[in-house]
Amino acid sequence: MPESMTRAQHLQWAKTRALEYLDAGNLTDAWASFVSDLGKHPETAGNSTIELGMLEMMMGGLNTAAKLRHHIEGTH
């Protein structure tokens, strides 16, 4: 991850990495990668999607690849 990435570039990078895990069938690592990567840029760290996603996961709302993909791709 180049440190010179803009917020938009970093977010797309994080999404791409997470979706690679998701496409391989690994929902847990997809989410962990996404959260970790968001925390690596000052403008995406603390994004509300992290808290929302954690709540949804605990309630079973992100329990399929399609639902998790929708959440990741919908993050702004």
PDB file of N, CA and C in Angstrom:
ATOM      1  N   MET A   1       0.841  -1.182   0.000  1.00  0.00           N
ATOM      2  CA  MET A   1       0.000   0.000   0.000  1.00  0.00           C
ATOM      3  C   MET A   1       0.882   1.240   0.000  1.00  0.00           C
ATOM      4  N   PRO A   2       0.907   1.958  -1.094  1.00  0.00           N
ATOM      5  CA  PRO A   2       1.673   3.196  -1.112  1.00  0.00           C
ATOM      6  C   PRO A   2       1.085   4.223  -0.149  1.00  0.00           C
ATOM      7  N   GLU A   3       1.936   4.897   0.575  1.00  0.00           N
ATOM      8  CA  GLU A   3       1.457   5.878   1.549  1.00  0.00           C
ATOM      9  C   GLU A   3       0.850   7.101   0.883  1.00  0.00           C
ATOM     10  N   SER A   4       1.090   7.258  -0.399  1.00  0.00           N
ATOM     11  CA  SER A   4       0.576   8.428  -1.096  1.00  0.00           C
ATOM     12  C   SER A   4      -0.843   8.231  -1.633  1.00  0.00           C
ATOM     13  N   MET A   5      -1.483   7.128  -1.284  1.00  0.00           N
ATOM     14  CA  MET A   5      -2.840   6.880  -1.768  1.00  0.00           C
ATOM     15  C   MET A   5      -3.808   7.913  -1.212  1.00  0.00           C
ATOM     16  N   THR A   6      -4.728   8.318  -2.065  1.00  0.00           N
ATOM     17  CA  THR A   6      -5.822   9.168  -1.595  1.00  0.00           C
ATOM     18  C   THR A   6      -6.797   8.291  -0.807  1.00  0.00           C
ATOM     19  N   ARG A   7      -7.736   8.915  -0.162  1.00  0.00           N
ATOM     20  CA  ARG A   7      -8.753   8.168   0.574  1.00  0.00           C
ATOM     21  C   ARG A   7      -9.488   7.217  -0.371  1.00  0.00           C
ATOM     22  N   ALA A   8      -9.890   7.722  -1.521  1.00  0.00           N
ATOM     23  CA  ALA A   8     -10.641   6.904  -2.482  1.00  0.00           C
ATOM     24  C   ALA A   8      -9.804   5.724  -2.981  1.00  0.00           C
ATOM     25  N   GLN A   9      -8.547   5.956  -3.264  1.00  0.00           N
ATOM     26  CA  GLN A   9      -7.670   4.880  -3.724  1.00  0.00           C
ATOM     27  C   GLN A   9      -7.486   3.831  -2.633  1.00  0.00           C
ATOM     28  N   HIS A  10      -7.299   4.297  -1.414  1.00  0.00           N
ATOM     29  CA  HIS A  10      -7.098   3.367  -0.303  1.00  0.00           C
ATOM     30  C   HIS A  10      -8.359   2.527  -0.068  1.00  0.00           C
ATOM     31  N   LEU A  11      -9.513   3.186  -0.108  1.00  0.00           N
ATOM     32  CA  LEU A  11     -10.768   2.461   0.089  1.00  0.00           C
ATOM     33  C   LEU A  11     -10.950   1.402  -0.985  1.00  0.00           C
ATOM     34  N   GLN A  12     -10.650   1.746  -2.226  1.00  0.00           N
ATOM     35  CA  GLN A  12     -10.783   0.756  -3.306  1.00  0.00           C
ATOM     36  C   GLN A  12      -9.801  -0.395  -3.109  1.00  0.00           C
ATOM     37  N   TRP A  13      -8.597  -0.091  -2.676  1.00  0.00           N
ATOM     38  CA  TRP A  13      -7.593  -1.115  -2.391  1.00  0.00           C
ATOM     39  C   TRP A  13      -8.099  -2.073  -1.305  1.00  0.00           C
ATOM     40  N   ALA A  14      -8.663  -1.506  -0.242  1.00  0.00           N
ATOM     41  CA  ALA A  14      -9.190  -2.326   0.851  1.00  0.00           C
ATOM     42  C   ALA A  14     -10.350  -3.209   0.376  1.00  0.00           C
ATOM     43  N   LYS A  15     -11.215  -2.641  -0.432  1.00  0.00           N
ATOM     44  CA  LYS A  15     -12.347  -3.409  -0.969  1.00  0.00           C
ATOM     45  C   LYS A  15     -11.850  -4.560  -1.841  1.00  0.00           C
ATOM     46  N   THR A  16     -10.907  -4.267  -2.719  1.00  0.00           N
ATOM     47  CA  THR A  16     -10.383  -5.287  -3.630  1.00  0.00           C
ATOM     48  C   THR A  16      -9.779  -6.445  -2.860  1.00  0.00           C
ATOM     49  N   ARG A  17      -8.973  -6.137  -1.854  1.00  0.00           N
ATOM     50  CA  ARG A  17      -8.354  -7.187  -1.056  1.00  0.00           C
ATOM     51  C   ARG A  17      -9.407  -8.023  -0.322  1.00  0.00           C
ATOM     52  N   ALA A  18     -10.386  -7.369   0.254  1.00  0.00           N
ATOM     53  CA  ALA A  18     -11.441  -8.090   0.985  1.00  0.00           C
ATOM     54  C   ALA A  18     -12.245  -8.984   0.040  1.00  0.00           C
ATOM     55  N   LEU A  19     -12.548  -8.454  -1.138  1.00  0.00           N
ATOM     56  CA  LEU A  19     -13.347  -9.237  -2.087  1.00  0.00           C
ATOM     57  C   LEU A  19     -12.581 -10.430  -2.636  1.00  0.00           C
ATOM     58  N   GLU A  20     -11.267 -10.350  -2.662  1.00  0.00           N
ATOM     59  CA  GLU A  20     -10.474 -11.523  -3.060  1.00  0.00           C
ATOM     60  C   GLU A  20     -10.690 -12.664  -2.068  1.00  0.00           C
ATOM     61  N   TYR A  21     -10.686 -12.357  -0.777  1.00  0.00           N
ATOM     62  CA  TYR A  21     -10.973 -13.378   0.236  1.00  0.00           C
ATOM     63  C   TYR A  21     -12.404 -13.888   0.078  1.00  0.00           C
ATOM     64  N   LEU A  22     -13.316 -12.969  -0.140  1.00  0.00           N
ATOM     65  CA  LEU A  22     -14.717 -13.360  -0.277  1.00  0.00           C
ATOM     66  C   LEU A  22     -14.910 -14.269  -1.480  1.00  0.00           C
ATOM     67  N   ASP A  23     -14.272 -13.945  -2.588  1.00  0.00           N
ATOM     68  CA  ASP A  23     -14.388 -14.774  -3.796  1.00  0.00           C
ATOM     69  C   ASP A  23     -13.794 -16.163  -3.586  1.00  0.00           C
ATOM     70  N   ALA A  24     -12.870 -16.278  -2.654  1.00  0.00           N
ATOM     71  CA  ALA A  24     -12.281 -17.579  -2.319  1.00  0.00           C
ATOM     72  C   ALA A  24     -13.136 -18.329  -1.288  1.00  0.00           C
ATOM     73  N   GLY A  25     -14.245 -17.726  -0.882  1.00  0.00           N
ATOM     74  CA  GLY A  25     -15.161 -18.379   0.045  1.00  0.00           C
ATOM     75  C   GLY A  25     -14.845 -18.174   1.504  1.00  0.00           C
ATOM     76  N   ASN A  26     -13.998 -17.217   1.825  1.00  0.00           N
ATOM     77  CA  ASN A  26     -13.590 -17.005   3.205  1.00  0.00           C
ATOM     78  C   ASN A  26     -14.165 -15.699   3.741  1.00  0.00           C
ATOM     79  N   LEU A  27     -15.363 -15.771   4.297  1.00  0.00           N
ATOM     80  CA  LEU A  27     -16.044 -14.590   4.811  1.00  0.00           C
ATOM     81  C   LEU A  27     -15.306 -13.969   5.990  1.00  0.00           C
ATOM     82  N   THR A  28     -14.793 -14.802   6.878  1.00  0.00           N
ATOM     83  CA  THR A  28     -14.113 -14.296   8.076  1.00  0.00           C
ATOM     84  C   THR A  28     -12.885 -13.480   7.704  1.00  0.00           C
ATOM     85  N   ASP A  29     -12.050 -14.011   6.827  1.00  0.00           N
ATOM     86  CA  ASP A  29     -10.849 -13.284   6.432  1.00  0.00           C
ATOM     87  C   ASP A  29     -11.185 -12.068   5.572  1.00  0.00           C
ATOM     88  N   ALA A  30     -12.258 -12.135   4.812  1.00  0.00           N
ATOM     89  CA  ALA A  30     -12.679 -10.980   4.015  1.00  0.00           C
ATOM     90  C   ALA A  30     -12.995  -9.810   4.932  1.00  0.00           C
ATOM     91  N   TRP A  31     -13.772 -10.072   5.965  1.00  0.00           N
ATOM     92  CA  TRP A  31     -14.140  -9.013   6.896  1.00  0.00           C
ATOM     93  C   TRP A  31     -12.921  -8.529   7.682  1.00  0.00           C
ATOM     94  N   ALA A  32     -12.104  -9.449   8.162  1.00  0.00           N
ATOM     95  CA  ALA A  32     -10.919  -9.072   8.931  1.00  0.00           C
ATOM     96  C   ALA A  32      -9.970  -8.229   8.078  1.00  0.00           C
ATOM     97  N   SER A  33      -9.781  -8.597   6.839  1.00  0.00           N
ATOM     98  CA  SER A  33      -8.915  -7.840   5.937  1.00  0.00           C
ATOM     99  C   SER A  33      -9.462  -6.434   5.718  1.00  0.00           C
ATOM    100  N   PHE A  34     -10.755  -6.343   5.493  1.00  0.00           N
ATOM    101  CA  PHE A  34     -11.379  -5.045   5.232  1.00  0.00           C
ATOM    102  C   PHE A  34     -11.223  -4.109   6.424  1.00  0.00           C
ATOM    103  N   VAL A  35     -11.536  -4.606   7.601  1.00  0.00           N
ATOM    104  CA  VAL A  35     -11.429  -3.793   8.815  1.00  0.00           C
ATOM    105  C   VAL A  35      -9.976  -3.378   9.050  1.00  0.00           C
ATOM    106  N   SER A  36      -9.070  -4.324   8.909  1.00  0.00           N
ATOM    107  CA  SER A  36      -7.654  -4.032   9.119  1.00  0.00           C
ATOM    108  C   SER A  36      -7.157  -2.980   8.126  1.00  0.00           C
ATOM    109  N   ASP A  37      -7.506  -3.165   6.863  1.00  0.00           N
ATOM    110  CA  ASP A  37      -7.038  -2.231   5.844  1.00  0.00           C
ATOM    111  C   ASP A  37      -7.632  -0.839   6.013  1.00  0.00           C
ATOM    112  N   LEU A  38      -8.885  -0.752   6.417  1.00  0.00           N
ATOM    113  CA  LEU A  38      -9.467   0.569   6.651  1.00  0.00           C
ATOM    114  C   LEU A  38      -8.703   1.312   7.741  1.00  0.00           C
ATOM    115  N   GLY A  39      -8.223   0.581   8.726  1.00  0.00           N
ATOM    116  CA  GLY A  39      -7.484   1.193   9.821  1.00  0.00           C
ATOM    117  C   GLY A  39      -6.097   1.672   9.450  1.00  0.00           C
ATOM    118  N   LYS A  40      -5.641   1.375   8.248  1.00  0.00           N
ATOM    119  CA  LYS A  40      -4.283   1.729   7.823  1.00  0.00           C
ATOM    120  C   LYS A  40      -4.189   3.098   7.148  1.00  0.00           C
ATOM    121  N   HIS A  41      -5.276   3.796   7.027  1.00  0.00           N
ATOM    122  CA  HIS A  41      -5.266   5.124   6.391  1.00  0.00           C
ATOM    123  C   HIS A  41      -5.997   6.094   7.311  1.00  0.00           C
ATOM    124  N   PRO A  42      -5.434   7.256   7.556  1.00  0.00           N
ATOM    125  CA  PRO A  42      -6.055   8.177   8.509  1.00  0.00           C
ATOM    126  C   PRO A  42      -7.470   8.629   8.126  1.00  0.00           C
ATOM    127  N   GLU A  43      -7.774   8.607   6.837  1.00  0.00           N
ATOM    128  CA  GLU A  43      -9.100   9.065   6.415  1.00  0.00           C
ATOM    129  C   GLU A  43     -10.140   7.945   6.342  1.00  0.00           C
ATOM    130  N   THR A  44      -9.716   6.691   6.517  1.00  0.00           N
ATOM    131  CA  THR A  44     -10.689   5.595   6.546  1.00  0.00           C
ATOM    132  C   THR A  44     -10.726   4.908   7.907  1.00  0.00           C
ATOM    133  N   ALA A  45      -9.719   5.145   8.718  1.00  0.00           N
ATOM    134  CA  ALA A  45      -9.716   4.566  10.069  1.00  0.00           C
ATOM    135  C   ALA A  45     -10.922   5.108  10.829  1.00  0.00           C
ATOM    136  N   GLY A  46     -11.596   4.240  11.526  1.00  0.00           N
ATOM    137  CA  GLY A  46     -12.764   4.656  12.293  1.00  0.00           C
ATOM    138  C   GLY A  46     -14.016   4.845  11.457  1.00  0.00           C
ATOM    139  N   ASN A  47     -14.003   4.382  10.202  1.00  0.00           N
ATOM    140  CA  ASN A  47     -15.176   4.489   9.343  1.00  0.00           C
ATOM    141  C   ASN A  47     -16.359   3.807  10.026  1.00  0.00           C
ATOM    142  N   SER A  48     -17.510   4.426   9.974  1.00  0.00           N
ATOM    143  CA  SER A  48     -18.690   3.884  10.659  1.00  0.00           C
ATOM    144  C   SER A  48     -19.095   2.517  10.130  1.00  0.00           C
ATOM    145  N   THR A  49     -18.664   2.148   8.934  1.00  0.00           N
ATOM    146  CA  THR A  49     -18.999   0.837   8.390  1.00  0.00           C
ATOM    147  C   THR A  49     -18.421  -0.288   9.240  1.00  0.00           C
ATOM    148  N   ILE A  50     -17.318   0.001   9.944  1.00  0.00           N
ATOM    149  CA  ILE A  50     -16.706  -1.027  10.794  1.00  0.00           C
ATOM    150  C   ILE A  50     -17.654  -1.375  11.942  1.00  0.00           C
ATOM    151  N   GLU A  51     -18.116  -0.368  12.651  1.00  0.00           N
ATOM    152  CA  GLU A  51     -19.024  -0.614  13.778  1.00  0.00           C
ATOM    153  C   GLU A  51     -20.342  -1.218  13.295  1.00  0.00           C
ATOM    154  N   LEU A  52     -20.881  -0.673  12.229  1.00  0.00           N
ATOM    155  CA  LEU A  52     -22.134  -1.192  11.683  1.00  0.00           C
ATOM    156  C   LEU A  52     -21.979  -2.651  11.267  1.00  0.00           C
ATOM    157  N   GLY A  53     -20.877  -2.952  10.594  1.00  0.00           N
ATOM    158  CA  GLY A  53     -20.629  -4.323  10.156  1.00  0.00           C
ATOM    159  C   GLY A  53     -20.471  -5.281  11.318  1.00  0.00           C
ATOM    160  N   MET A  54     -19.785  -4.827  12.367  1.00  0.00           N
ATOM    161  CA  MET A  54     -19.613  -5.687  13.543  1.00  0.00           C
ATOM    162  C   MET A  54     -20.964  -5.987  14.184  1.00  0.00           C
ATOM    163  N   LEU A  55     -21.800  -4.984  14.298  1.00  0.00           N
ATOM    164  CA  LEU A  55     -23.135  -5.192  14.861  1.00  0.00           C
ATOM    165  C   LEU A  55     -23.941  -6.156  13.987  1.00  0.00           C
ATOM    166  N   GLU A  56     -23.881  -5.948  12.691  1.00  0.00           N
ATOM    167  CA  GLU A  56     -24.616  -6.830  11.782  1.00  0.00           C
ATOM    168  C   GLU A  56     -24.097  -8.258  11.851  1.00  0.00           C
ATOM    169  N   MET A  57     -22.777  -8.410  11.965  1.00  0.00           N
ATOM    170  CA  MET A  57     -22.210  -9.762  12.065  1.00  0.00           C
ATOM    171  C   MET A  57     -22.688 -10.457  13.337  1.00  0.00           C
ATOM    172  N   MET A  58     -22.690  -9.731  14.447  1.00  0.00           N
ATOM    173  CA  MET A  58     -23.122 -10.327  15.718  1.00  0.00           C
ATOM    174  C   MET A  58     -24.594 -10.724  15.668  1.00  0.00           C
ATOM    175  N   MET A  59     -25.374 -10.019  14.871  1.00  0.00           N
ATOM    176  CA  MET A  59     -26.804 -10.316  14.762  1.00  0.00           C
ATOM    177  C   MET A  59     -27.101 -11.276  13.609  1.00  0.00           C
ATOM    178  N   GLY A  60     -26.062 -11.730  12.905  1.00  0.00           N
ATOM    179  CA  GLY A  60     -26.257 -12.675  11.810  1.00  0.00           C
ATOM    180  C   GLY A  60     -26.637 -12.038  10.496  1.00  0.00           C
ATOM    181  N   GLY A  61     -26.503 -10.730  10.393  1.00  0.00           N
ATOM    182  CA  GLY A  61     -26.918 -10.022   9.191  1.00  0.00           C
ATOM    183  C   GLY A  61     -25.929 -10.090   8.035  1.00  0.00           C
ATOM    184  N   LEU A  62     -24.690 -10.449   8.305  1.00  0.00           N
ATOM    185  CA  LEU A  62     -23.684 -10.557   7.242  1.00  0.00           C
ATOM    186  C   LEU A  62     -23.209 -11.995   7.142  1.00  0.00           C
ATOM    187  N   ASN A  63     -24.148 -12.905   7.162  1.00  0.00           N
ATOM    188  CA  ASN A  63     -23.805 -14.327   7.228  1.00  0.00           C
ATOM    189  C   ASN A  63     -23.708 -15.024   5.876  1.00  0.00           C
ATOM    190  N   THR A  64     -23.846 -14.274   4.794  1.00  0.00           N
ATOM    191  CA  THR A  64     -23.667 -14.867   3.466  1.00  0.00           C
ATOM    192  C   THR A  64     -22.683 -14.011   2.671  1.00  0.00           C
ATOM    193  N   ALA A  65     -22.089 -14.613   1.663  1.00  0.00           N
ATOM    194  CA  ALA A  65     -21.147 -13.884   0.818  1.00  0.00           C
ATOM    195  C   ALA A  65     -21.833 -12.701   0.136  1.00  0.00           C
ATOM    196  N   ALA A  66     -23.063 -12.889  -0.300  1.00  0.00           N
ATOM    197  CA  ALA A  66     -23.785 -11.817  -0.990  1.00  0.00           C
ATOM    198  C   ALA A  66     -24.019 -10.625  -0.064  1.00  0.00           C
ATOM    199  N   LYS A  67     -24.399 -10.886   1.171  1.00  0.00           N
ATOM    200  CA  LYS A  67     -24.642  -9.794   2.122  1.00  0.00           C
ATOM    201  C   LYS A  67     -23.353  -9.073   2.482  1.00  0.00           C
ATOM    202  N   LEU A  68     -22.283  -9.827   2.685  1.00  0.00           N
ATOM    203  CA  LEU A  68     -21.007  -9.207   3.021  1.00  0.00           C
ATOM    204  C   LEU A  68     -20.477  -8.413   1.831  1.00  0.00           C
ATOM    205  N   ARG A  69     -20.629  -8.946   0.629  1.00  0.00           N
ATOM    206  CA  ARG A  69     -20.194  -8.232  -0.574  1.00  0.00           C
ATOM    207  C   ARG A  69     -20.947  -6.898  -0.685  1.00  0.00           C
ATOM    208  N   HIS A  70     -22.235  -6.933  -0.457  1.00  0.00           N
ATOM    209  CA  HIS A  70     -23.050  -5.715  -0.526  1.00  0.00           C
ATOM    210  C   HIS A  70     -22.546  -4.686   0.484  1.00  0.00           C
ATOM    211  N   HIS A  71     -22.224  -5.131   1.680  1.00  0.00           N
ATOM    212  CA  HIS A  71     -21.742  -4.225   2.729  1.00  0.00           C
ATOM    213  C   HIS A  71     -20.385  -3.624   2.336  1.00  0.00           C
ATOM    214  N   ILE A  72     -19.474  -4.453   1.889  1.00  0.00           N
ATOM    215  CA  ILE A  72     -18.136  -3.976   1.518  1.00  0.00           C
ATOM    216  C   ILE A  72     -18.222  -3.027   0.325  1.00  0.00           C
ATOM    217  N   GLU A  73     -18.925  -3.437  -0.720  1.00  0.00           N
ATOM    218  CA  GLU A  73     -19.014  -2.607  -1.915  1.00  0.00           C
ATOM    219  C   GLU A  73     -19.761  -1.309  -1.663  1.00  0.00           C
ATOM    220  N   GLY A  74     -20.650  -1.302  -0.686  1.00  0.00           N
ATOM    221  CA  GLY A  74     -21.427  -0.106  -0.376  1.00  0.00           C
ATOM    222  C   GLY A  74     -20.739   0.875   0.553  1.00  0.00           C
ATOM    223  N   THR A  75     -19.551   0.544   1.003  1.00  0.00           N
ATOM    224  CA  THR A  75     -18.826   1.430   1.906  1.00  0.00           C
ATOM    225  C   THR A  75     -18.270   2.623   1.142  1.00  0.00           C
ATOM    226  N   HIS A  76     -18.480   3.805   1.709  1.00  0.00           N
ATOM    227  CA  HIS A  76     -18.003   5.045   1.077  1.00  0.00           C
ATOM    228  C   HIS A  76     -17.075   5.787   1.996  1.00  0.00           C
TER     229      HIS A  76
END
